Each structure stands twice: as structure tokens, then as C-alpha cells.
């Protein structure tokens, strides 16, 4: 995720000076693919006394506070953007310098193709300029949305963070259903992928709501209506989707409690 953000920023920010701290330097170079002129160091001790305007914390949640603490001397007045899932601003503050400004952002996997939906929450020290900068950073990998409270990050994770997994699951089962009615695996795979891509394109470019688009596809008495009659039974997709999101949100809250 960190490399996706870095590569996207290279295309929207002039005079970008990037330093990557990654214990596996070869891994970092591979992820950046030689497309970005970045300094890569193995740990924060190599930073010396250099000060950074912005720091993106793209590490495992359990490592976020330690990572900030180890680089505290280099981040005395920095804007710190954490994408470490489940790590609260209060926890991050334990590793950050007193004058640092903190924001939590949760992007999703689609950042890789710059189609992400990212959500964020900032503490009270954030200026309008800081907020605008965050919007530029995450606008470079898709869409960005501010949340009203930090608690909403856990709720949003169940939709925006986990949502791609639900879509991939639907595509998988659509492909398998296509195979069961007689199509080859290759053809079924192509059908499932393009159905998702095409529908996503309509959602992105057509002003109609999902409900309106659904009705546009489903002619009364037609094949789509017959399929939807099964899919949308009270005990089918409406119940399953509700339970899916609730389970993901509950787990997000559990993980946040474990981190704190």
C-alpha cells in the first residue's frame, strides 16, 4: 500500500523528495520498480538529523507506535499519516513528537490501480492546509472521504476496507455458477470479470442509484428478474450482506481494542 501511494504521488506532486524506511531494502526497490527516484534506507538510524514535512506510516498495526518512536527525532513537526489498521490516534500519539499532527486513513486494495476509496479522521491539531494535503495524497489513488469521528473508521473498514473481498467472492461464485451450467473455466472467468468491471463502470459514470440501475437491467418477467427473485429473498443476499458487514465491523472493533 505504501508503494502504491508513493508511485501515485510521483505523478501529481512536483519536486517530490521521498525517503523510504524498510528493513528489507530489496523488497522496497522491487515494489517501487525503479519507477521512482527514492532514497531507501534499512532503518531510521540512517536518517541522521534530517527533518521531514510528512510521514506516511505504512507498517503492520503492531509496529506503528514503535516505528514512530524510532523516527521521532526526524518528525518533530511533521504531518503524520497512519494507514496502520486499528491503531488509534491515542496510541500513535505515544510514539509521535509533541508537535506532530496526526491523521488516520484507511485506504483499500484498489489503491494499486488508483481506484481506492479511502476514509480518514484527523485530530484537532490539523489545519485546513494539512487536510487539503491529505486529500491530494489519497485523491492520487482514488477517492477520499473525511469521517466525523474516529470510531467511524472501524465501521467504514467493514464496507470500504473489506468490501473488495466481498466483490471478489461474488465474482468467484458467479464464475463457478457459469461453469456449472456448462461454460469452460476460461470463459466463465472472462464472463465474471467483465460483468463486475462493466457494472462498476456504470456505477462510476452513471448518475442513477444502484437501485435504479438494477431496475434498468431487470425487465419485468425477464431473466434478470428471475435471478434477482432468488438472490434477494429475505433469507438470501439481504440477510447475508447485513451479517457480513456486521461481522467485519465487530472484528474491526475487536482489533482496535487489541491494539490499544
Protein backbone atom coordinates (compact mmCIF):
# COMPACT_ATOMS: atom_id res chain seq x y z
CA UNK A 1 0.00 0.00 0.00
CA UNK A 2 2.86 2.36 0.78
CA UNK A 3 4.41 1.78 -2.64
CA UNK A 4 1.04 2.37 -4.35
CA UNK A 5 0.74 5.74 -2.60
CA UNK A 6 4.34 6.69 -3.41
CA UNK A 7 4.01 5.82 -7.09
CA UNK A 8 0.73 7.71 -7.40
CA UNK A 9 2.14 10.80 -5.72
CA UNK A 10 5.03 10.91 -8.15
CA UNK A 11 2.51 11.72 -10.85
CA UNK A 12 0.72 14.55 -9.03
CA UNK A 13 3.39 16.30 -6.96
CA UNK A 14 6.26 18.27 -8.44
CA UNK A 15 9.65 18.17 -6.71
CA UNK A 16 8.67 15.20 -4.57
CA UNK A 17 11.55 14.08 -2.36
CA UNK A 18 10.86 10.62 -0.98
CA UNK A 19 12.67 8.58 1.65
CA UNK A 20 11.56 5.01 2.31
CA UNK A 21 12.43 3.26 5.57
CA UNK A 22 12.14 -0.50 5.06
CA UNK A 23 14.18 -3.21 6.74
CA UNK A 24 14.03 -5.27 3.54
CA UNK A 25 15.58 -2.77 1.13
CA UNK A 26 15.45 -5.16 -1.83
CA UNK A 27 11.71 -5.60 -1.27
CA UNK A 28 11.21 -1.84 -1.30
CA UNK A 29 13.15 -1.45 -4.54
CA UNK A 30 11.14 -4.26 -6.13
CA UNK A 31 7.82 -2.72 -5.09
CA UNK A 32 8.81 0.69 -6.42
CA UNK A 33 10.02 -0.99 -9.59
CA UNK A 34 12.66 1.57 -10.39
CA UNK A 35 9.91 3.99 -11.40
CA UNK A 36 10.56 6.40 -8.57
CA UNK A 37 13.69 8.28 -7.57
CA UNK A 38 13.60 7.47 -3.88
CA UNK A 39 16.19 7.07 -1.16
CA UNK A 40 15.75 3.71 0.56
CA UNK A 41 17.25 3.02 3.99
CA UNK A 42 17.07 -0.01 6.22
CA UNK A 43 16.13 1.76 9.46
CA UNK A 44 15.52 5.22 10.88
CA UNK A 45 19.02 5.47 12.35
CA UNK A 46 20.23 6.17 8.79
CA UNK A 47 18.18 9.39 8.69
CA UNK A 48 20.57 11.34 10.87
CA UNK A 49 19.16 14.69 11.95
CA UNK A 50 17.07 15.26 8.81
CA UNK A 51 13.57 16.63 9.33
CA UNK A 52 10.59 15.53 7.22
CA UNK A 53 7.46 17.50 6.40
CA UNK A 54 5.26 14.42 6.04
CA UNK A 55 5.47 10.82 7.18
CA UNK A 56 3.21 8.02 5.93
CA UNK A 57 3.17 5.14 8.42
CA UNK A 58 2.58 2.07 6.25
CA UNK A 59 3.54 -0.75 8.61
CA UNK A 60 1.81 -3.61 10.40
CA UNK A 61 -0.52 -2.25 13.11
CA UNK A 62 1.55 -3.72 15.91
CA UNK A 63 4.66 -1.94 14.65
CA UNK A 64 3.19 1.55 14.14
CA UNK A 65 3.95 3.09 17.54
CA UNK A 66 7.48 1.69 17.63
CA UNK A 67 8.13 2.91 14.07
CA UNK A 68 7.07 6.43 15.02
CA UNK A 69 9.10 6.37 18.23
CA UNK A 70 12.24 5.27 16.39
CA UNK A 71 11.92 8.20 13.96
CA UNK A 72 10.62 10.74 16.48
CA UNK A 73 13.72 12.92 16.22
CA UNK A 74 13.12 13.27 12.46
CA UNK A 75 9.41 14.03 12.78
CA UNK A 76 9.39 16.86 15.29
CA UNK A 77 6.78 18.98 13.48
CA UNK A 78 5.63 16.56 10.80
CA UNK A 79 2.25 15.73 9.42
CA UNK A 80 1.96 12.03 10.23
CA UNK A 81 -0.47 9.97 8.18
CA UNK A 82 -1.05 6.47 9.53
CA UNK A 83 -2.62 3.73 7.43
CA UNK A 84 -1.99 1.12 10.14
CA UNK A 85 -5.37 -0.55 10.64
CA UNK A 86 -6.84 -0.50 14.13
CA UNK A 87 -4.15 1.74 15.65
CA UNK A 88 -5.86 4.70 17.31
CA UNK A 89 -4.67 8.29 17.33
CA UNK A 90 -4.14 7.98 21.09
CA UNK A 91 -1.80 5.04 20.56
CA UNK A 92 0.04 6.77 17.73
CA UNK A 93 0.50 9.83 19.93
CA UNK A 94 2.60 7.69 22.29
CA UNK A 95 5.23 7.31 19.59
CA UNK A 96 4.97 10.75 17.98
CA UNK A 97 6.65 14.02 18.88
CA UNK A 98 4.61 16.58 20.80
CA UNK A 99 4.25 18.96 17.85
CA UNK A 100 3.40 16.33 15.25
CA UNK A 101 -0.06 16.43 13.62
CA UNK A 102 -1.76 13.07 13.30
CA UNK A 103 -4.33 11.65 10.91
CA UNK A 104 -5.60 8.11 10.43
CA UNK A 105 -6.52 6.98 6.93
CA UNK A 106 -7.86 3.63 5.75
CA UNK A 107 -7.38 3.04 2.01
CA UNK A 108 -8.29 -0.24 0.31
CA UNK A 109 -6.69 -2.68 -2.10
CA UNK A 110 -7.90 -0.81 -5.19
CA UNK A 111 -5.16 1.75 -4.46
CA UNK A 112 -2.97 -0.50 -6.59
CA UNK A 113 -4.98 0.52 -9.68
CA UNK A 114 -5.77 4.03 -8.32
CA UNK A 115 -9.45 3.23 -7.79
CA UNK A 116 -9.44 3.17 -3.98
CA UNK A 117 -11.95 4.64 -1.58
CA UNK A 118 -10.03 5.95 1.43
CA UNK A 119 -11.56 7.27 4.64
CA UNK A 120 -9.85 9.44 7.22
CA UNK A 121 -10.11 11.12 10.58
CA UNK A 122 -7.79 13.81 11.97
CA UNK A 123 -7.16 15.15 15.44
CA UNK A 124 -7.85 18.76 16.37
CA UNK A 125 -4.33 19.96 15.51
CA UNK A 126 -4.91 19.52 11.78
CA UNK A 127 -5.01 22.74 9.77
CA UNK A 128 -7.00 23.33 6.61
CA UNK A 129 -3.71 23.08 4.69
CA UNK A 130 -2.99 19.68 6.27
CA UNK A 131 -6.44 18.44 5.38
CA UNK A 132 -6.06 19.63 1.81
CA UNK A 133 -2.72 17.84 1.56
CA UNK A 134 -4.23 14.57 2.81
CA UNK A 135 -6.97 14.91 0.21
CA UNK A 136 -4.36 15.32 -2.54
CA UNK A 137 -2.37 12.30 -1.33
CA UNK A 138 -5.31 9.93 -1.24
CA UNK A 139 -7.01 11.53 -4.20
CA UNK A 140 -4.00 10.32 -6.17
CA UNK A 141 -5.05 6.70 -5.54
CA UNK A 142 -8.82 7.15 -5.94
CA UNK A 143 -11.45 8.90 -3.81
CA UNK A 144 -11.13 10.25 -0.27
CA UNK A 145 -13.80 10.89 2.38
CA UNK A 146 -13.44 12.51 5.82
CA UNK A 147 -15.24 10.83 8.72
CA UNK A 148 -16.96 12.60 11.60
CA UNK A 149 -15.36 10.55 14.38
CA UNK A 150 -12.52 8.11 14.85
CA UNK A 151 -15.00 5.38 15.78
CA UNK A 152 -16.38 5.55 12.26
CA UNK A 153 -13.10 4.20 10.89
CA UNK A 154 -13.90 0.76 12.30
CA UNK A 155 -17.38 0.92 10.81
CA UNK A 156 -16.10 2.10 7.44
CA UNK A 157 -13.49 -0.67 7.37
CA UNK A 158 -16.31 -3.21 7.17
CA UNK A 159 -17.52 -1.53 3.96
CA UNK A 160 -14.62 0.23 2.26
CA UNK A 161 -11.71 -1.85 3.51
CA UNK A 162 -13.30 -5.30 3.35
CA UNK A 163 -15.73 -4.53 0.53
CA UNK A 164 -13.41 -5.55 -2.31
CA UNK A 165 -13.20 -9.00 -0.74
CA UNK A 166 -16.97 -9.32 -0.88
CA UNK A 167 -16.97 -8.34 -4.55
CA UNK A 168 -14.22 -10.85 -5.34
CA UNK A 169 -16.24 -13.52 -3.56
CA UNK A 170 -19.28 -12.68 -5.68
CA UNK A 171 -17.15 -12.87 -8.83
CA UNK A 172 -15.75 -16.23 -7.73
CA UNK A 173 -19.19 -17.73 -7.16
CA UNK A 174 -20.55 -16.23 -10.37
CA UNK A 175 -17.67 -17.85 -12.25
CA UNK A 176 -18.33 -21.20 -10.57
CA UNK A 177 -22.04 -20.96 -11.40
CA UNK A 178 -21.16 -20.28 -15.05
CA UNK A 179 -19.01 -23.41 -15.09
CA UNK A 180 -21.84 -25.48 -13.58
CA UNK A 181 -24.18 -24.58 -16.42
CA UNK A 182 -21.62 -25.67 -18.99
CA UNK A 183 -19.07 -22.95 -19.76
CA UNK A 184 -15.35 -23.64 -19.67
CA UNK A 185 -13.33 -22.26 -16.76
CA UNK A 186 -11.62 -19.75 -19.04
CA UNK A 187 -14.90 -18.49 -20.49
CA UNK A 188 -16.57 -18.39 -17.07
CA UNK A 189 -13.65 -16.41 -15.68
CA UNK A 190 -13.87 -13.89 -18.52
CA UNK A 191 -17.64 -13.53 -18.07
CA UNK A 192 -17.41 -12.98 -14.30
CA UNK A 193 -14.61 -10.45 -14.53
CA UNK A 194 -16.22 -8.38 -17.27
CA UNK A 195 -19.63 -8.40 -15.61
CA UNK A 196 -18.05 -6.86 -12.48
CA UNK A 197 -15.93 -4.39 -14.48
CA UNK A 198 -18.88 -3.31 -16.62
CA UNK A 199 -21.25 -2.89 -13.69
CA UNK A 200 -18.58 -0.95 -11.77
CA UNK A 201 -18.12 1.33 -14.76
CA UNK A 202 -21.82 2.11 -14.80
CA UNK A 203 -21.83 2.82 -11.07
CA UNK A 204 -18.88 5.15 -11.57
CA UNK A 205 -20.16 7.05 -14.60
CA UNK A 206 -23.96 6.83 -14.44
CA UNK A 207 -25.74 9.20 -12.05
CA UNK A 208 -28.50 6.69 -11.31
CA UNK A 209 -28.55 4.92 -7.95
CA UNK A 210 -27.74 1.20 -7.66
CA UNK A 211 -31.46 0.53 -7.24
CA UNK A 212 -32.30 2.45 -10.41
CA UNK A 213 -29.57 0.69 -12.37
CA UNK A 214 -30.82 -2.66 -11.13
CA UNK A 215 -34.32 -1.86 -12.37
CA UNK A 216 -32.83 -0.78 -15.71
CA UNK A 217 -31.38 -4.28 -16.16
CA UNK A 218 -34.32 -6.23 -14.77
CA UNK A 219 -37.23 -6.18 -17.24
CA UNK A 220 -40.48 -7.45 -15.66
CA UNK A 221 -40.79 -11.17 -16.24
CA UNK A 222 -37.29 -11.40 -17.72
CA UNK A 223 -34.21 -13.45 -16.89
CA UNK A 224 -32.63 -10.89 -14.56
CA UNK A 225 -35.87 -10.56 -12.60
CA UNK A 226 -35.99 -14.35 -12.24
CA UNK A 227 -32.44 -14.43 -10.91
CA UNK A 228 -32.98 -11.49 -8.57
CA UNK A 229 -36.10 -13.15 -7.16
CA UNK A 230 -33.79 -15.83 -5.77
CA UNK A 231 -30.86 -13.59 -4.84
CA UNK A 232 -32.98 -11.06 -2.99
CA UNK A 233 -35.16 -13.36 -0.94
CA UNK A 234 -35.29 -12.19 2.68
CA UNK A 235 -33.11 -15.09 3.76
CA UNK A 236 -30.63 -14.70 0.90
CA UNK A 237 -28.45 -11.72 -0.07
CA UNK A 238 -30.15 -9.03 2.10
CA UNK A 239 -29.56 -11.14 5.21
CA UNK A 240 -26.12 -12.39 4.20
CA UNK A 241 -24.77 -8.95 3.28
CA UNK A 242 -26.08 -7.49 6.54
CA UNK A 243 -24.47 -10.26 8.56
CA UNK A 244 -21.24 -9.98 6.57
CA UNK A 245 -20.84 -6.27 7.24
CA UNK A 246 -21.82 -6.65 10.90
CA UNK A 247 -19.24 -9.42 11.40
CA UNK A 248 -16.49 -7.38 9.74
CA UNK A 249 -17.37 -4.28 11.81
CA UNK A 250 -17.35 -6.30 15.03
CA UNK A 251 -13.94 -7.75 14.19
CA UNK A 252 -12.60 -4.27 13.34
CA UNK A 253 -13.67 -3.08 16.78
CA UNK A 254 -12.02 -6.11 18.41
CA UNK A 255 -8.76 -5.47 16.58
CA UNK A 256 -8.81 -1.82 17.61
CA UNK A 257 -9.26 -2.82 21.25
CA UNK A 258 -6.38 -5.30 20.96
CA UNK A 259 -4.09 -2.60 19.54
CA UNK A 260 -4.98 -0.16 22.34
